[in-house]
Every structure is written in structure tokens, then in C-alpha cells.
Protein backbone atom coordinates (compact mmCIF):
# COMPACT_ATOMS: atom_id res chain seq x y z
CA MET A 1 -5.48 32.99 -1.47
CA THR A 2 -8.53 31.35 -3.07
CA TYR A 3 -9.65 28.36 -1.02
CA ARG A 4 -10.71 25.18 -2.77
CA PRO A 5 -14.40 24.23 -2.59
CA ILE A 6 -15.14 21.27 -0.37
CA GLU A 7 -16.15 19.17 -3.38
CA ASP A 8 -12.53 19.39 -4.54
CA TYR A 9 -11.51 17.01 -1.75
CA GLY A 10 -11.52 13.27 -1.31
CA ALA A 11 -11.63 11.67 2.14
CA VAL A 12 -9.66 8.72 3.49
CA GLY A 13 -10.05 7.32 6.98
CA ASP A 14 -9.59 4.46 9.41
CA MET A 15 -12.92 4.75 11.30
CA ARG A 16 -11.11 6.73 14.03
CA THR A 17 -10.35 9.84 11.99
CA ALA A 18 -10.17 11.01 8.38
CA ALA A 19 -7.98 13.13 6.12
CA LEU A 20 -9.19 15.44 3.36
CA VAL A 21 -6.98 15.31 0.26
CA SER A 22 -7.37 17.94 -2.46
CA SER A 23 -7.26 17.21 -6.18
CA GLY A 24 -3.99 19.15 -6.09
CA GLY A 25 -2.42 16.48 -3.89
CA SER A 26 -2.52 18.32 -0.56
CA VAL A 27 -3.75 16.91 2.74
CA ASP A 28 -5.43 20.06 4.02
CA TRP A 29 -7.38 18.63 6.96
CA LEU A 30 -6.56 15.90 9.46
CA CYS A 31 -7.24 15.58 13.17
CA LEU A 32 -5.20 13.05 15.15
CA PRO A 33 -5.60 10.63 16.72
CA ARG A 34 -9.43 10.88 16.50
CA PHE A 35 -12.12 12.84 14.72
CA ASP A 36 -12.61 15.03 17.79
CA SER A 37 -8.89 15.65 18.36
CA PRO A 38 -7.12 18.92 17.45
CA SER A 39 -6.01 19.30 13.86
CA VAL A 40 -2.48 18.63 12.64
CA PHE A 41 -3.25 19.90 9.11
CA ALA A 42 -5.83 22.68 8.68
CA ALA A 43 -4.94 24.57 5.49
CA LEU A 44 -8.55 23.96 4.49
CA LEU A 45 -9.46 26.74 6.95
CA ASP A 46 -6.21 28.74 7.24
CA ASP A 47 -3.92 28.57 4.23
CA ALA A 48 -1.15 30.56 5.91
CA ARG A 49 -0.96 28.90 9.33
CA GLY A 50 -3.09 25.77 9.27
CA GLY A 51 -0.49 23.30 7.99
CA ARG A 52 -0.55 20.87 5.09
CA PHE A 53 1.06 17.75 3.62
CA ARG A 54 1.39 18.39 -0.10
CA LEU A 55 2.67 15.94 -2.71
CA ALA A 56 2.37 16.87 -6.38
CA PRO A 57 4.22 17.06 -9.69
CA VAL A 58 5.95 20.30 -10.63
CA GLY A 59 4.36 22.27 -13.46
CA ALA A 60 0.97 22.33 -15.14
CA PHE A 61 -1.06 19.14 -14.80
CA ASP A 62 -4.73 18.26 -15.03
CA SER A 63 -5.93 16.16 -12.11
CA ARG A 64 -8.83 13.90 -11.24
CA GLN A 65 -9.75 11.81 -8.22
CA SER A 66 -11.37 8.42 -7.85
CA TYR A 67 -11.52 5.55 -5.39
CA LEU A 68 -10.34 2.02 -6.02
CA GLN A 69 -13.54 0.05 -6.49
CA ASP A 70 -15.36 -0.78 -3.24
CA THR A 71 -12.66 0.82 -1.07
CA ASN A 72 -11.74 4.00 0.76
CA VAL A 73 -8.41 4.08 -1.09
CA LEU A 74 -8.17 7.38 -2.98
CA VAL A 75 -6.25 7.82 -6.24
CA THR A 76 -5.38 11.29 -7.53
CA THR A 77 -4.11 11.17 -11.12
CA PHE A 78 -2.11 14.04 -12.61
CA SER A 79 -1.80 14.19 -16.40
CA SER A 80 0.09 16.35 -18.88
CA PRO A 81 1.29 15.77 -22.46
CA GLU A 82 4.68 14.74 -21.05
CA ALA A 83 3.79 12.61 -18.04
CA GLU A 84 1.17 10.96 -15.87
CA VAL A 85 1.49 10.17 -12.18
CA ALA A 86 -0.91 8.67 -9.66
CA ILE A 87 -0.91 9.33 -5.93
CA THR A 88 -2.61 6.68 -3.81
CA ASP A 89 -3.74 7.80 -0.35
CA PHE A 90 -5.20 5.66 2.42
CA MET A 91 -5.16 5.16 6.16
CA THR A 92 -4.26 1.82 7.65
CA VAL A 93 -7.05 0.15 9.59
CA ASP A 94 -5.10 -2.34 11.70
CA ALA A 95 -2.28 -0.25 13.20
CA PRO A 96 -2.29 0.59 16.94
CA ALA A 97 -2.01 4.32 16.16
CA PRO A 98 -3.31 6.16 13.09
CA GLU A 99 -1.22 5.98 9.91
CA LEU A 100 -1.60 7.82 6.62
CA VAL A 101 0.14 6.28 3.62
CA ARG A 102 0.93 8.15 0.40
CA ILE A 103 2.29 6.30 -2.65
CA VAL A 104 3.19 8.06 -5.89
CA ARG A 105 3.78 6.12 -9.12
CA CYS A 106 4.86 7.43 -12.50
CA LEU A 107 2.59 5.85 -15.09
CA ARG A 108 3.99 7.56 -18.19
CA GLY A 109 6.94 9.74 -19.10
CA ALA A 110 8.93 11.39 -16.31
CA ALA A 111 7.80 13.86 -13.67
CA ARG A 112 9.57 16.04 -11.14
CA MET A 113 7.79 15.76 -7.82
CA GLU A 114 7.78 18.03 -4.82
CA LEU A 115 6.73 17.41 -1.24
CA GLU A 116 5.86 19.90 1.48
CA PHE A 117 5.32 18.65 5.03
CA SER A 118 4.36 21.51 7.33
CA PRO A 119 2.16 20.24 10.18
CA ALA A 120 0.66 22.65 12.69
CA LEU A 121 -0.32 20.62 15.74
CA ASP A 122 -3.10 21.56 18.15
CA TYR A 123 -4.99 23.82 15.73
CA ALA A 124 -1.73 25.76 15.15
CA ARG A 125 -2.12 27.32 18.61
CA GLY A 126 1.54 26.77 19.45
CA ARG A 127 4.83 26.20 17.71
CA THR A 128 5.39 22.91 15.91
CA SER A 129 9.06 22.04 15.52
CA LEU A 130 10.56 19.51 13.10
CA ARG A 131 13.56 17.36 13.93
CA PRO A 132 15.32 15.16 11.35
CA LEU A 133 15.56 11.47 12.23
CA GLY A 134 18.17 10.62 9.65
CA PRO A 135 18.01 11.49 5.95
CA ARG A 136 14.55 9.99 5.30
CA ALA A 137 12.49 10.67 8.40
CA VAL A 138 11.38 13.63 10.48
CA LEU A 139 9.56 14.08 13.78
CA ALA A 140 7.08 16.92 14.32
CA SER A 141 6.29 17.93 17.90
CA ASP A 142 4.73 20.78 19.85
CA GLY A 143 6.24 19.60 23.13
CA HIS A 144 3.17 17.59 24.12
CA GLN A 145 2.42 15.31 21.17
CA GLY A 146 3.98 14.44 17.87
CA LEU A 147 3.87 12.65 14.57
CA ALA A 148 6.59 11.09 12.45
CA LEU A 149 7.02 11.06 8.69
CA SER A 150 9.16 8.40 7.04
CA SER A 151 10.02 8.52 3.35
CA SER A 152 11.56 6.46 0.58
CA VAL A 153 13.34 9.60 -0.69
CA ALA A 154 15.66 12.05 1.06
CA LEU A 155 14.03 14.84 3.06
CA THR A 156 15.33 18.30 3.90
CA VAL A 157 14.29 20.47 6.85
CA PRO A 158 15.56 23.96 5.99
CA ASP A 159 13.18 26.29 7.80
CA GLY A 160 10.66 24.41 9.87
CA THR A 161 9.12 22.71 6.84
CA ALA A 162 10.22 19.31 5.61
CA GLY A 163 10.47 19.00 1.86
CA ALA A 164 11.69 16.87 -1.00
CA HIS A 165 12.27 17.24 -4.73
CA PHE A 166 12.74 14.09 -6.76
CA LEU A 167 12.36 12.72 -10.27
CA LEU A 168 10.18 9.73 -11.11
CA ARG A 169 10.41 7.94 -14.42
CA GLU A 170 7.84 5.57 -15.86
CA GLY A 171 7.39 2.60 -13.55
CA GLU A 172 9.13 4.19 -10.56
CA THR A 173 7.49 4.64 -7.15
CA ALA A 174 8.03 6.66 -3.99
CA ALA A 175 6.20 6.35 -0.68
CA PHE A 176 5.58 8.27 2.53
CA LEU A 177 4.22 7.04 5.86
CA LEU A 178 2.81 9.41 8.48
CA GLN A 179 2.44 7.90 11.96
CA TRP A 180 0.87 9.44 15.05
CA GLY A 181 3.19 9.44 18.06
CA GLU A 182 6.73 10.46 18.92
CA THR A 183 8.40 7.11 18.28
CA ALA A 184 11.11 7.13 15.64
CA PRO A 185 9.86 5.04 12.70
CA PRO A 186 11.88 2.21 11.17
CA PRO A 187 13.26 2.68 7.63
CA LEU A 188 10.45 2.67 5.10
CA GLU A 189 10.44 -0.43 2.90
CA MET A 190 8.30 -0.58 -0.25
CA GLU A 191 7.40 -4.20 0.46
CA ALA A 192 5.87 -3.15 3.78
CA VAL A 193 4.03 -0.25 2.12
CA ASP A 194 2.60 -2.53 -0.55
CA ASP A 195 1.46 -4.92 2.17
CA LYS A 196 -0.33 -2.09 3.98
CA LEU A 197 -2.09 -1.21 0.73
CA ARG A 198 -3.18 -4.81 0.13
CA ARG A 199 -4.56 -5.10 3.64
CA ALA A 200 -6.45 -1.81 3.33
CA ILE A 201 -8.00 -2.89 0.01
CA ASP A 202 -9.00 -6.26 1.45
CA PHE A 203 -10.52 -4.63 4.54
CA TRP A 204 -12.67 -2.14 2.65
CA ARG A 205 -13.86 -4.71 0.13
CA ASP A 206 -14.86 -7.01 2.96
CA VAL A 207 -16.77 -4.11 4.51
CA SER A 208 -18.43 -3.31 1.18
CA ARG A 209 -19.66 -6.89 0.85
CA GLU A 210 -21.13 -6.87 4.35
CA TRP A 211 -22.81 -3.46 4.30
CA THR A 212 -25.87 -2.52 2.30
CA TYR A 213 -27.32 0.92 1.67
CA ARG A 214 -30.61 2.00 0.18
CA GLY A 215 -31.51 5.58 -0.49
């Protein structure tokens, strides 16, 4: 396995912790609930055992990353002659426990998407088990701590990894919400996801107006 260079990653955070998201759509590093906590995704360092949260179109796509202006909201755009999709990643800044939100929109054509959710809690030192919480949510736990993933599309948990395959046509959207803790999440509603995005954008733009940097 050839590991991606660090410059191939964008970072999103909530001032308590941060996730590294590759230009291939994979969250390959995240410690929860704080920067100095053990990792839950660490494929950046161990591709085989470290754990990841990958969301990407199937097939050959060019990709590029950018931030929404004056924010820490990351957009990874995948383009091919047939389709274009954009994945928006951010962490909420006003939730009691850390949350990572992933929104994928089809901008042109139609794209088959795939998701791989394979966390490895506590630096992958023990066994992380996944338990379905209905058709669109799953709980990951190592017996001591956990995190829950809720989805707007159906999830499968065949072999210790949660996954999804779905088709998006132009104008269609899917979303995923990762929450720290072992509480079962409520059903994921797009209106609530969009509200989280608006609040994150407003927060970071307020911060950008207040902070100055020279150098």
C-alpha cells in the first residue's frame, strides 16, 4: 500500500479535535473526543488496521479540495466526463459531543457512490464491534466507548464493516452524521443536516471576521 502524502489531506475541526480527509474522500485520521484522545480512524498510519470512514464515487474520477470561503468547511469535488459530485465535510461547533457531518451532492450526471465505515477505536488496540441500530444507523463500540453513525441511505454490516452503495442523480443528496458516544441517534433528517451546515458556516465566518493574522 502506498500511503498518501500529508498534503493530500484537508482538515476539519471543532476546536476540540480535528479530522483529516483525503482527496479520495476518506477520513483517515480522527481522535475523539479531543485532540489528545485515542484515534478512532488511523488509516493515515496503518492502512490495514487503523480504520477509516471512506465516501467516494465508484470508478475513475479526478478530485480536488477547497474550503468554503472564510470557513473550515471542506469540499472535495470528484469529476469525470459522466458525472460530478461534491462531498462537504465539517464538524459541528455547538454540539455537546463531537460530530462529523458528511454531505454528498451530485452536481452533474449520475454517480454510483460507495461508503466504508470501519472505525478502530483506541488506536486499534482492541476489537471494535459494529451493531446495527435499524436500517440507517450503526453503533461502533470497543466495550468502553463508542460512536454512532446515522445515514440518509440504507447501511449494511456484513463483516464488521458498515457499508453502503447508492446511486445519486443530478440534484440529489445523501448525508451521514458521526456522533461520539453510545447513544442511539435519532433518524437523520436533511433539514437538520442543512441547519448544522448553516450554523457551521456562520460560526467560522464570524471567527474569520474577528481574527487577524499577519505573517
